[in-house]
Amino acid sequence: MIRLKKILYPTDFSESSLEALPYALSFAREYKAKLVLLHVVNEQIFSEGLSLARAIAPEALGQEMAQEAERRLKMLIPADQRSGLDVEMLILHGLPFLEIIRYAKANGIDLIVIGTHGRTGMEHILFGSTAEKVVRKAPCPVLSIRPAEHAFVMP
């Protein structure tokens, strides 16, 4: 019998990431599992010499990004859909794939539900794939949701 007590839903707030949310919600409801909404403030951008990062202290920029992420996490699940859900919101700082894997290992996550961007070719080579790295290194099963080819229909 499959037991899911903790489900991790990492998001970068992109469209493809948001497509994975209904799956995470459905599993959390079905298994009465805790759902952890996670956003990782990507600190790699601070070290890559963005002109914006030079104009604003990296710590201040990271703090501002975290505040915006917190606001957006709170808006992910409308109040009318929260009943019966145990939801935790979390913001970490670092490389997204690494922080997702670290959190899953340290907190006994049973399932990760993550959206994929569907990048191919040069874009995939340049930007890599957080989801792909998570699938390869996660300590638990990972459900990766590709950009919509067919929509998930809520009952």
C-alpha atoms as a PDB file:
ATOM      1  CA  MET A   1       0.000   0.000   0.000  1.00  0.00           C
ATOM      2  CA  ILE A   2       1.307   3.419  -0.918  1.00  0.00           C
ATOM      3  CA  ARG A   3       1.537   5.889   1.950  1.00  0.00           C
ATOM      4  CA  LEU A   4       2.051   9.548   1.296  1.00  0.00           C
ATOM      5  CA  LYS A   5       2.406  11.685   4.407  1.00  0.00           C
ATOM      6  CA  LYS A   6       4.434  14.576   3.002  1.00  0.00           C
ATOM      7  CA  ILE A   7       4.287  15.920  -0.534  1.00  0.00           C
ATOM      8  CA  LEU A   8       6.690  18.565  -1.802  1.00  0.00           C
ATOM      9  CA  TYR A   9       5.598  20.956  -4.542  1.00  0.00           C
ATOM     10  CA  PRO A  10       8.543  23.131  -5.625  1.00  0.00           C
ATOM     11  CA  THR A  11       7.580  26.089  -7.790  1.00  0.00           C
ATOM     12  CA  ASP A  12       9.278  28.891  -9.679  1.00  0.00           C
ATOM     13  CA  PHE A  13       5.813  30.336 -10.466  1.00  0.00           C
ATOM     14  CA  SER A  14       6.229  29.667 -14.191  1.00  0.00           C
ATOM     15  CA  GLU A  15       3.275  28.400 -16.219  1.00  0.00           C
ATOM     16  CA  SER A  16       4.754  24.924 -16.444  1.00  0.00           C
ATOM     17  CA  SER A  17       5.355  24.864 -12.711  1.00  0.00           C
ATOM     18  CA  LEU A  18       1.775  25.937 -12.021  1.00  0.00           C
ATOM     19  CA  GLU A  19       0.488  23.080 -14.191  1.00  0.00           C
ATOM     20  CA  ALA A  20       1.826  20.658 -11.582  1.00  0.00           C
ATOM     21  CA  LEU A  21      -0.145  22.238  -8.724  1.00  0.00           C
ATOM     22  CA  PRO A  22      -3.478  20.443  -9.378  1.00  0.00           C
ATOM     23  CA  TYR A  23      -1.635  17.116  -9.201  1.00  0.00           C
ATOM     24  CA  ALA A  24       0.004  18.030  -5.888  1.00  0.00           C
ATOM     25  CA  LEU A  25      -3.339  19.200  -4.490  1.00  0.00           C
ATOM     26  CA  SER A  26      -5.113  16.059  -5.654  1.00  0.00           C
ATOM     27  CA  PHE A  27      -2.533  13.730  -4.084  1.00  0.00           C
ATOM     28  CA  ALA A  28      -2.534  15.750  -0.840  1.00  0.00           C
ATOM     29  CA  ARG A  29      -6.317  15.473  -0.608  1.00  0.00           C
ATOM     30  CA  GLU A  30      -6.478  11.811  -1.619  1.00  0.00           C
ATOM     31  CA  TYR A  31      -3.812  10.715   0.874  1.00  0.00           C
ATOM     32  CA  LYS A  32      -4.550  13.369   3.541  1.00  0.00           C
ATOM     33  CA  ALA A  33      -0.895  14.309   3.266  1.00  0.00           C
ATOM     34  CA  LYS A  34       0.852  17.482   4.288  1.00  0.00           C
ATOM     35  CA  LEU A  35       1.601  19.630   1.236  1.00  0.00           C
ATOM     36  CA  VAL A  36       4.769  21.721   1.322  1.00  0.00           C
ATOM     37  CA  LEU A  37       4.829  24.597  -1.165  1.00  0.00           C
ATOM     38  CA  LEU A  38       8.473  25.477  -1.779  1.00  0.00           C
ATOM     39  CA  HIS A  39      10.144  28.281  -3.666  1.00  0.00           C
ATOM     40  CA  VAL A  40      13.922  28.543  -3.873  1.00  0.00           C
ATOM     41  CA  VAL A  41      15.388  32.000  -4.358  1.00  0.00           C
ATOM     42  CA  ASN A  42      18.084  31.225  -6.907  1.00  0.00           C
ATOM     43  CA  GLU A  43      21.261  32.774  -5.575  1.00  0.00           C
ATOM     44  CA  GLN A  44      23.213  31.677  -8.625  1.00  0.00           C
ATOM     45  CA  ILE A  45      21.982  34.794 -10.415  1.00  0.00           C
ATOM     46  CA  PHE A  46      23.792  36.944  -7.852  1.00  0.00           C
ATOM     47  CA  SER A  47      27.137  35.395  -8.732  1.00  0.00           C
ATOM     48  CA  GLU A  48      26.688  35.683 -12.495  1.00  0.00           C
ATOM     49  CA  GLY A  49      27.193  39.428 -12.635  1.00  0.00           C
ATOM     50  CA  LEU A  50      23.730  40.747 -13.365  1.00  0.00           C
ATOM     51  CA  SER A  51      23.861  44.516 -13.638  1.00  0.00           C
ATOM     52  CA  LEU A  52      20.824  44.689 -11.333  1.00  0.00           C
ATOM     53  CA  ALA A  53      22.730  42.713  -8.699  1.00  0.00           C
ATOM     54  CA  ARG A  54      25.532  45.292  -8.855  1.00  0.00           C
ATOM     55  CA  ALA A  55      23.120  48.176  -8.404  1.00  0.00           C
ATOM     56  CA  ILE A  56      21.394  46.544  -5.420  1.00  0.00           C
ATOM     57  CA  ALA A  57      23.212  44.682  -2.674  1.00  0.00           C
ATOM     58  CA  PRO A  58      22.745  40.921  -3.279  1.00  0.00           C
ATOM     59  CA  GLU A  59      21.363  40.445   0.245  1.00  0.00           C
ATOM     60  CA  ALA A  60      18.720  43.120  -0.312  1.00  0.00           C
ATOM     61  CA  LEU A  61      17.796  41.693  -3.702  1.00  0.00           C
ATOM     62  CA  GLY A  62      17.520  38.199  -2.236  1.00  0.00           C
ATOM     63  CA  GLN A  63      15.343  39.493   0.588  1.00  0.00           C
ATOM     64  CA  GLU A  64      13.101  41.343  -1.860  1.00  0.00           C
ATOM     65  CA  MET A  65      12.794  38.212  -4.020  1.00  0.00           C
ATOM     66  CA  ALA A  66      11.903  36.156  -0.931  1.00  0.00           C
ATOM     67  CA  GLN A  67       9.186  38.627   0.079  1.00  0.00           C
ATOM     68  CA  GLU A  68       7.672  38.511  -3.403  1.00  0.00           C
ATOM     69  CA  ALA A  69       7.853  34.709  -3.380  1.00  0.00           C
ATOM     70  CA  GLU A  70       6.078  34.591  -0.020  1.00  0.00           C
ATOM     71  CA  ARG A  71       3.282  36.787  -1.400  1.00  0.00           C
ATOM     72  CA  ARG A  72       2.919  34.550  -4.454  1.00  0.00           C
ATOM     73  CA  LEU A  73       2.989  31.311  -2.425  1.00  0.00           C
ATOM     74  CA  LYS A  74       0.088  32.602  -0.334  1.00  0.00           C
ATOM     75  CA  MET A  75      -1.926  33.170  -3.521  1.00  0.00           C
ATOM     76  CA  LEU A  76      -1.298  29.709  -5.039  1.00  0.00           C
ATOM     77  CA  ILE A  77      -4.203  27.950  -3.350  1.00  0.00           C
ATOM     78  CA  PRO A  78      -7.428  29.949  -3.172  1.00  0.00           C
ATOM     79  CA  ALA A  79      -9.113  30.006   0.235  1.00  0.00           C
ATOM     80  CA  ASP A  80     -12.087  27.988  -1.031  1.00  0.00           C
ATOM     81  CA  GLN A  81      -9.718  25.120  -2.001  1.00  0.00           C
ATOM     82  CA  ARG A  82      -7.752  25.076   1.279  1.00  0.00           C
ATOM     83  CA  SER A  83     -10.341  23.312   3.412  1.00  0.00           C
ATOM     84  CA  GLY A  84      -9.134  19.940   4.565  1.00  0.00           C
ATOM     85  CA  LEU A  85      -5.547  20.594   3.472  1.00  0.00           C
ATOM     86  CA  ASP A  86      -2.475  20.744   5.679  1.00  0.00           C
ATOM     87  CA  VAL A  87      -0.294  23.248   3.821  1.00  0.00           C
ATOM     88  CA  GLU A  88       3.127  24.632   4.714  1.00  0.00           C
ATOM     89  CA  MET A  89       4.871  27.401   2.760  1.00  0.00           C
ATOM     90  CA  LEU A  90       8.628  27.572   2.641  1.00  0.00           C
ATOM     91  CA  ILE A  91      11.250  29.765   1.012  1.00  0.00           C
ATOM     92  CA  LEU A  92      14.866  28.640   0.764  1.00  0.00           C
ATOM     93  CA  HIS A  93      17.924  30.281  -0.779  1.00  0.00           C
ATOM     94  CA  GLY A  94      20.419  28.549  -3.064  1.00  0.00           C
ATOM     95  CA  LEU A  95      20.466  26.458  -6.201  1.00  0.00           C
ATOM     96  CA  PRO A  96      16.912  25.227  -6.754  1.00  0.00           C
ATOM     97  CA  PHE A  97      17.622  21.563  -7.564  1.00  0.00           C
ATOM     98  CA  LEU A  98      20.059  21.238  -4.687  1.00  0.00           C
ATOM     99  CA  GLU A  99      17.766  22.832  -2.103  1.00  0.00           C
ATOM    100  CA  ILE A 100      14.791  20.746  -3.261  1.00  0.00           C
ATOM    101  CA  ILE A 101      16.797  17.536  -2.857  1.00  0.00           C
ATOM    102  CA  ARG A 102      18.283  18.606   0.502  1.00  0.00           C
ATOM    103  CA  TYR A 103      14.866  19.524   1.856  1.00  0.00           C
ATOM    104  CA  ALA A 104      13.303  16.259   0.661  1.00  0.00           C
ATOM    105  CA  LYS A 105      16.068  14.204   2.315  1.00  0.00           C
ATOM    106  CA  ALA A 106      16.060  16.132   5.587  1.00  0.00           C
ATOM    107  CA  ASN A 107      12.277  16.176   5.979  1.00  0.00           C
ATOM    108  CA  GLY A 108      11.149  12.711   4.947  1.00  0.00           C
ATOM    109  CA  ILE A 109       9.276  13.792   1.830  1.00  0.00           C
ATOM    110  CA  ASP A 110       7.331  10.905   0.276  1.00  0.00           C
ATOM    111  CA  LEU A 111       6.629  12.450  -3.146  1.00  0.00           C
ATOM    112  CA  ILE A 112       7.830  15.461  -5.120  1.00  0.00           C
ATOM    113  CA  VAL A 113       5.455  16.912  -7.706  1.00  0.00           C
ATOM    114  CA  ILE A 114       7.321  19.225 -10.074  1.00  0.00           C
ATOM    115  CA  GLY A 115       6.585  20.931 -13.375  1.00  0.00           C
ATOM    116  CA  THR A 116       9.016  20.789 -16.272  1.00  0.00           C
ATOM    117  CA  HIS A 117       9.677  23.600 -18.728  1.00  0.00           C
ATOM    118  CA  GLY A 118       9.979  21.320 -21.713  1.00  0.00           C
ATOM    119  CA  ARG A 119      13.145  23.018 -22.926  1.00  0.00           C
ATOM    120  CA  THR A 120      15.052  21.277 -25.662  1.00  0.00           C
ATOM    121  CA  GLY A 121      18.186  21.808 -27.704  1.00  0.00           C
ATOM    122  CA  MET A 122      20.426  24.770 -26.939  1.00  0.00           C
ATOM    123  CA  GLU A 123      18.056  26.200 -24.336  1.00  0.00           C
ATOM    124  CA  HIS A 124      18.266  22.915 -22.393  1.00  0.00           C
ATOM    125  CA  ILE A 125      22.060  22.898 -22.672  1.00  0.00           C
ATOM    126  CA  LEU A 126      22.365  26.508 -21.469  1.00  0.00           C
ATOM    127  CA  PHE A 127      19.809  26.465 -18.667  1.00  0.00           C
ATOM    128  CA  GLY A 128      19.756  22.789 -17.707  1.00  0.00           C
ATOM    129  CA  SER A 129      16.724  21.310 -16.080  1.00  0.00           C
ATOM    130  CA  THR A 130      15.953  21.604 -12.397  1.00  0.00           C
ATOM    131  CA  ALA A 131      13.262  18.950 -12.732  1.00  0.00           C
ATOM    132  CA  GLU A 132      15.627  16.554 -14.499  1.00  0.00           C
ATOM    133  CA  LYS A 133      18.229  16.921 -11.735  1.00  0.00           C
ATOM    134  CA  VAL A 134      15.577  16.424  -9.069  1.00  0.00           C
ATOM    135  CA  VAL A 135      14.295  13.269 -10.797  1.00  0.00           C
ATOM    136  CA  ARG A 136      17.820  11.847 -10.943  1.00  0.00           C
ATOM    137  CA  LYS A 137      18.881  12.690  -7.378  1.00  0.00           C
ATOM    138  CA  ALA A 138      15.740  12.772  -5.230  1.00  0.00           C
ATOM    139  CA  PRO A 139      15.453  10.390  -2.269  1.00  0.00           C
ATOM    140  CA  CYS A 140      11.794   9.678  -3.110  1.00  0.00           C
ATOM    141  CA  PRO A 141       9.509   9.275  -6.138  1.00  0.00           C
ATOM    142  CA  VAL A 142       9.114  12.339  -8.348  1.00  0.00           C
ATOM    143  CA  LEU A 143       6.094  13.069 -10.488  1.00  0.00           C
ATOM    144  CA  SER A 144       7.175  15.410 -13.274  1.00  0.00           C
ATOM    145  CA  ILE A 145       4.448  17.259 -15.137  1.00  0.00           C
ATOM    146  CA  ARG A 146       5.241  18.342 -18.693  1.00  0.00           C
ATOM    147  CA  PRO A 147       3.655  21.395 -20.316  1.00  0.00           C
ATOM    148  CA  ALA A 148       0.032  20.679 -21.136  1.00  0.00           C
ATOM    149  CA  GLU A 149      -0.643  18.194 -23.838  1.00  0.00           C
ATOM    150  CA  HIS A 150      -3.806  17.230 -22.067  1.00  0.00           C
ATOM    151  CA  ALA A 151      -5.380  19.039 -19.144  1.00  0.00           C
ATOM    152  CA  PHE A 152      -5.863  17.545 -15.715  1.00  0.00           C
ATOM    153  CA  VAL A 153      -9.559  17.743 -14.905  1.00  0.00           C
ATOM    154  CA  MET A 154     -10.596  18.223 -11.302  1.00  0.00           C
ATOM    155  CA  PRO A 155     -13.711  16.180 -10.427  1.00  0.00           C
END
